Amino acid sequence: MDPLFFKLVRVVNLTARPFHERVGREHQLTLNEWRTMAVLGAQPGLNARQVADQTGLDKMAVSRALAGLRRHKRVQRHGDPTDQRCSRLYLTAAGKALHESVGALGREREAALFAGVEAGELAQLDATLDKLIRSVSGQP
């Protein structure tokens, strides 16, 4: 029997693989770029550190993702009026359109993934994952 942590990593890997095959190639979008877009689509105006916190990616991975998104004109920076050293990040019109279409595919994939899982089990899994995220991120 595989350790629980290994199973968790395996689920992430098995769910991420189709992303590259189905979405990444077609839209020239890496998984980390998508993760960054997903966070900015839900929470416009974050800075790069906040994106790293929300995605669980390290600063360099977020920096590379942002560079790719800027190169394809999917994200833009605006100055932060409260901190001259920081920039606030927003999806461009092209980024918003891609976020919507890729997000729809993600929702379909999520529905298929959880189709055989009961609502109570999903609620428990959601609560457990929130607890794990708080634990590994040092949040109370």
C-alpha atoms as a PDB file:
ATOM      1  CA  MET A   1       0.000   0.000   0.000  1.00  0.00           C
ATOM      2  CA  ASP A   2       1.346   3.422  -0.997  1.00  0.00           C
ATOM      3  CA  PRO A   3       1.897   6.065   1.674  1.00  0.00           C
ATOM      4  CA  LEU A   4      -0.813   8.738   1.806  1.00  0.00           C
ATOM      5  CA  PHE A   5       1.555  11.529   0.760  1.00  0.00           C
ATOM      6  CA  PHE A   6       2.600   9.564  -2.322  1.00  0.00           C
ATOM      7  CA  LYS A   7      -1.055   9.069  -3.247  1.00  0.00           C
ATOM      8  CA  LEU A   8      -1.672  12.800  -2.945  1.00  0.00           C
ATOM      9  CA  VAL A   9       1.282  13.593  -5.226  1.00  0.00           C
ATOM     10  CA  ARG A  10       0.154  10.915  -7.657  1.00  0.00           C
ATOM     11  CA  VAL A  11      -3.353  12.393  -7.904  1.00  0.00           C
ATOM     12  CA  VAL A  12      -1.861  15.823  -8.627  1.00  0.00           C
ATOM     13  CA  ASN A  13       0.429  14.384 -11.299  1.00  0.00           C
ATOM     14  CA  LEU A  14      -2.300  12.297 -12.933  1.00  0.00           C
ATOM     15  CA  THR A  15      -4.671  15.253 -13.072  1.00  0.00           C
ATOM     16  CA  ALA A  16      -1.993  17.658 -14.346  1.00  0.00           C
ATOM     17  CA  ARG A  17      -0.789  15.439 -17.195  1.00  0.00           C
ATOM     18  CA  PRO A  18      -3.894  15.883 -19.375  1.00  0.00           C
ATOM     19  CA  PHE A  19      -3.603  19.659 -18.963  1.00  0.00           C
ATOM     20  CA  HIS A  20      -0.414  19.758 -20.996  1.00  0.00           C
ATOM     21  CA  GLU A  21      -1.724  17.341 -23.607  1.00  0.00           C
ATOM     22  CA  ARG A  22      -5.128  19.004 -24.019  1.00  0.00           C
ATOM     23  CA  VAL A  23      -4.656  22.661 -23.128  1.00  0.00           C
ATOM     24  CA  GLY A  24      -0.998  23.568 -22.765  1.00  0.00           C
ATOM     25  CA  ARG A  25       0.100  22.781 -26.275  1.00  0.00           C
ATOM     26  CA  GLU A  26      -2.933  24.349 -27.933  1.00  0.00           C
ATOM     27  CA  HIS A  27      -2.643  27.638 -26.055  1.00  0.00           C
ATOM     28  CA  GLN A  28       1.131  27.729 -25.432  1.00  0.00           C
ATOM     29  CA  LEU A  29       0.441  27.721 -21.709  1.00  0.00           C
ATOM     30  CA  THR A  30       2.429  25.968 -19.003  1.00  0.00           C
ATOM     31  CA  LEU A  31       0.772  24.493 -15.946  1.00  0.00           C
ATOM     32  CA  ASN A  32       2.406  27.112 -13.695  1.00  0.00           C
ATOM     33  CA  GLU A  33       1.231  29.880 -16.011  1.00  0.00           C
ATOM     34  CA  TRP A  34      -2.286  28.470 -15.732  1.00  0.00           C
ATOM     35  CA  ARG A  35      -2.028  28.258 -11.950  1.00  0.00           C
ATOM     36  CA  THR A  36      -0.951  31.907 -11.888  1.00  0.00           C
ATOM     37  CA  MET A  37      -3.797  32.901 -14.212  1.00  0.00           C
ATOM     38  CA  ALA A  38      -6.323  30.989 -12.115  1.00  0.00           C
ATOM     39  CA  VAL A  39      -5.292  32.889  -8.992  1.00  0.00           C
ATOM     40  CA  LEU A  40      -5.284  36.267 -10.753  1.00  0.00           C
ATOM     41  CA  GLY A  41      -8.629  35.507 -12.376  1.00  0.00           C
ATOM     42  CA  ALA A  42     -10.130  34.897  -8.946  1.00  0.00           C
ATOM     43  CA  GLN A  43      -8.183  37.628  -7.121  1.00  0.00           C
ATOM     44  CA  PRO A  44      -7.090  40.428  -9.473  1.00  0.00           C
ATOM     45  CA  GLY A  45      -4.485  42.844  -8.183  1.00  0.00           C
ATOM     46  CA  LEU A  46      -2.289  40.499  -6.188  1.00  0.00           C
ATOM     47  CA  ASN A  47       1.470  40.984  -6.206  1.00  0.00           C
ATOM     48  CA  ALA A  48       3.914  38.220  -7.169  1.00  0.00           C
ATOM     49  CA  ARG A  49       4.551  37.197  -3.554  1.00  0.00           C
ATOM     50  CA  GLN A  50       0.840  36.814  -2.956  1.00  0.00           C
ATOM     51  CA  VAL A  51       0.518  34.715  -6.116  1.00  0.00           C
ATOM     52  CA  ALA A  52       3.300  32.472  -4.805  1.00  0.00           C
ATOM     53  CA  ASP A  53       1.489  32.149  -1.475  1.00  0.00           C
ATOM     54  CA  GLN A  54      -1.834  31.318  -3.137  1.00  0.00           C
ATOM     55  CA  THR A  55      -0.405  28.771  -5.590  1.00  0.00           C
ATOM     56  CA  GLY A  56       2.196  27.169  -3.363  1.00  0.00           C
ATOM     57  CA  LEU A  57       4.795  27.793  -6.068  1.00  0.00           C
ATOM     58  CA  ASP A  58       8.213  29.193  -5.238  1.00  0.00           C
ATOM     59  CA  LYS A  59       9.142  32.758  -6.218  1.00  0.00           C
ATOM     60  CA  MET A  60      11.216  31.677  -9.225  1.00  0.00           C
ATOM     61  CA  ALA A  61       8.412  29.518 -10.637  1.00  0.00           C
ATOM     62  CA  VAL A  62       5.991  32.446 -10.318  1.00  0.00           C
ATOM     63  CA  SER A  63       8.536  34.785 -11.904  1.00  0.00           C
ATOM     64  CA  ARG A  64       8.948  32.438 -14.890  1.00  0.00           C
ATOM     65  CA  ALA A  65       5.173  32.012 -15.173  1.00  0.00           C
ATOM     66  CA  LEU A  66       4.642  35.769 -15.140  1.00  0.00           C
ATOM     67  CA  ALA A  67       7.336  36.261 -17.767  1.00  0.00           C
ATOM     68  CA  GLY A  68       5.590  33.772 -20.055  1.00  0.00           C
ATOM     69  CA  LEU A  69       2.205  35.373 -19.441  1.00  0.00           C
ATOM     70  CA  ARG A  70       3.607  38.852 -20.180  1.00  0.00           C
ATOM     71  CA  ARG A  71       5.316  37.560 -23.323  1.00  0.00           C
ATOM     72  CA  HIS A  72       1.917  36.356 -24.605  1.00  0.00           C
ATOM     73  CA  LYS A  73       0.220  39.559 -23.356  1.00  0.00           C
ATOM     74  CA  ARG A  74      -1.983  37.691 -20.889  1.00  0.00           C
ATOM     75  CA  VAL A  75      -1.047  39.627 -17.770  1.00  0.00           C
ATOM     76  CA  GLN A  76      -0.182  43.235 -17.046  1.00  0.00           C
ATOM     77  CA  ARG A  77       1.384  45.060 -14.135  1.00  0.00           C
ATOM     78  CA  HIS A  78       0.145  48.209 -12.472  1.00  0.00           C
ATOM     79  CA  GLY A  79       1.985  50.141  -9.810  1.00  0.00           C
ATOM     80  CA  ASP A  80       0.922  49.611  -6.234  1.00  0.00           C
ATOM     81  CA  PRO A  81      -0.148  52.979  -4.797  1.00  0.00           C
ATOM     82  CA  THR A  82       0.685  51.798  -1.267  1.00  0.00           C
ATOM     83  CA  ASP A  83       4.138  50.355  -2.053  1.00  0.00           C
ATOM     84  CA  GLN A  84       6.319  51.711  -4.865  1.00  0.00           C
ATOM     85  CA  ARG A  85       8.457  48.536  -4.810  1.00  0.00           C
ATOM     86  CA  CYS A  86       5.541  46.252  -5.715  1.00  0.00           C
ATOM     87  CA  SER A  87       3.380  45.817  -8.773  1.00  0.00           C
ATOM     88  CA  ARG A  88      -0.194  44.631  -8.838  1.00  0.00           C
ATOM     89  CA  LEU A  89      -0.978  41.978 -11.426  1.00  0.00           C
ATOM     90  CA  TYR A  90      -4.070  41.768 -13.611  1.00  0.00           C
ATOM     91  CA  LEU A  91      -5.170  39.614 -16.503  1.00  0.00           C
ATOM     92  CA  THR A  92      -5.418  41.441 -19.827  1.00  0.00           C
ATOM     93  CA  ALA A  93      -8.495  41.055 -22.037  1.00  0.00           C
ATOM     94  CA  ALA A  94      -6.722  38.183 -23.810  1.00  0.00           C
ATOM     95  CA  GLY A  95      -5.801  36.677 -20.438  1.00  0.00           C
ATOM     96  CA  LYS A  96      -9.393  36.940 -19.205  1.00  0.00           C
ATOM     97  CA  ALA A  97     -10.718  35.250 -22.358  1.00  0.00           C
ATOM     98  CA  LEU A  98      -8.201  32.412 -22.021  1.00  0.00           C
ATOM     99  CA  HIS A  99      -8.920  32.126 -18.299  1.00  0.00           C
ATOM    100  CA  GLU A 100     -12.616  31.673 -19.059  1.00  0.00           C
ATOM    101  CA  SER A 101     -12.158  29.028 -21.763  1.00  0.00           C
ATOM    102  CA  VAL A 102      -9.483  27.043 -19.919  1.00  0.00           C
ATOM    103  CA  GLY A 103     -11.438  27.407 -16.675  1.00  0.00           C
ATOM    104  CA  ALA A 104     -14.467  25.813 -18.331  1.00  0.00           C
ATOM    105  CA  LEU A 105     -12.330  22.838 -19.356  1.00  0.00           C
ATOM    106  CA  GLY A 106     -10.997  22.638 -15.799  1.00  0.00           C
ATOM    107  CA  ARG A 107     -14.491  22.591 -14.363  1.00  0.00           C
ATOM    108  CA  GLU A 108     -15.411  19.762 -16.738  1.00  0.00           C
ATOM    109  CA  ARG A 109     -12.311  17.839 -15.671  1.00  0.00           C
ATOM    110  CA  GLU A 110     -13.090  18.447 -11.998  1.00  0.00           C
ATOM    111  CA  ALA A 111     -16.665  17.202 -12.441  1.00  0.00           C
ATOM    112  CA  ALA A 112     -15.410  14.036 -14.141  1.00  0.00           C
ATOM    113  CA  LEU A 113     -12.760  13.485 -11.456  1.00  0.00           C
ATOM    114  CA  PHE A 114     -15.237  13.765  -8.590  1.00  0.00           C
ATOM    115  CA  ALA A 115     -18.205  12.098 -10.315  1.00  0.00           C
ATOM    116  CA  GLY A 116     -17.868   8.923  -8.250  1.00  0.00           C
ATOM    117  CA  VAL A 117     -17.346  10.693  -4.924  1.00  0.00           C
ATOM    118  CA  GLU A 118     -20.275  11.421  -2.634  1.00  0.00           C
ATOM    119  CA  ALA A 119     -21.039  14.970  -1.483  1.00  0.00           C
ATOM    120  CA  GLY A 120     -20.168  14.182   2.142  1.00  0.00           C
ATOM    121  CA  GLU A 121     -16.837  12.705   1.112  1.00  0.00           C
ATOM    122  CA  LEU A 122     -16.076  15.798  -0.977  1.00  0.00           C
ATOM    123  CA  ALA A 123     -16.911  18.078   1.929  1.00  0.00           C
ATOM    124  CA  GLN A 124     -14.610  16.064   4.205  1.00  0.00           C
ATOM    125  CA  LEU A 125     -11.835  16.092   1.596  1.00  0.00           C
ATOM    126  CA  ASP A 126     -12.229  19.865   1.178  1.00  0.00           C
ATOM    127  CA  ALA A 127     -11.985  20.421   4.938  1.00  0.00           C
ATOM    128  CA  THR A 128      -8.986  18.093   5.233  1.00  0.00           C
ATOM    129  CA  LEU A 129      -7.154  19.807   2.368  1.00  0.00           C
ATOM    130  CA  ASP A 130      -7.807  23.216   3.950  1.00  0.00           C
ATOM    131  CA  LYS A 131      -6.341  21.900   7.202  1.00  0.00           C
ATOM    132  CA  LEU A 132      -3.267  20.531   5.391  1.00  0.00           C
ATOM    133  CA  ILE A 133      -2.747  23.825   3.544  1.00  0.00           C
ATOM    134  CA  ARG A 134      -2.875  25.756   6.811  1.00  0.00           C
ATOM    135  CA  SER A 135      -0.440  23.294   8.377  1.00  0.00           C
ATOM    136  CA  VAL A 136       2.199  23.422   5.633  1.00  0.00           C
ATOM    137  CA  SER A 137       1.890  27.170   5.086  1.00  0.00           C
ATOM    138  CA  GLY A 138       2.192  27.997   8.772  1.00  0.00           C
ATOM    139  CA  GLN A 139      -1.251  29.550   8.996  1.00  0.00           C
ATOM    140  CA  PRO A 140      -3.287  29.214  12.200  1.00  0.00           C
END
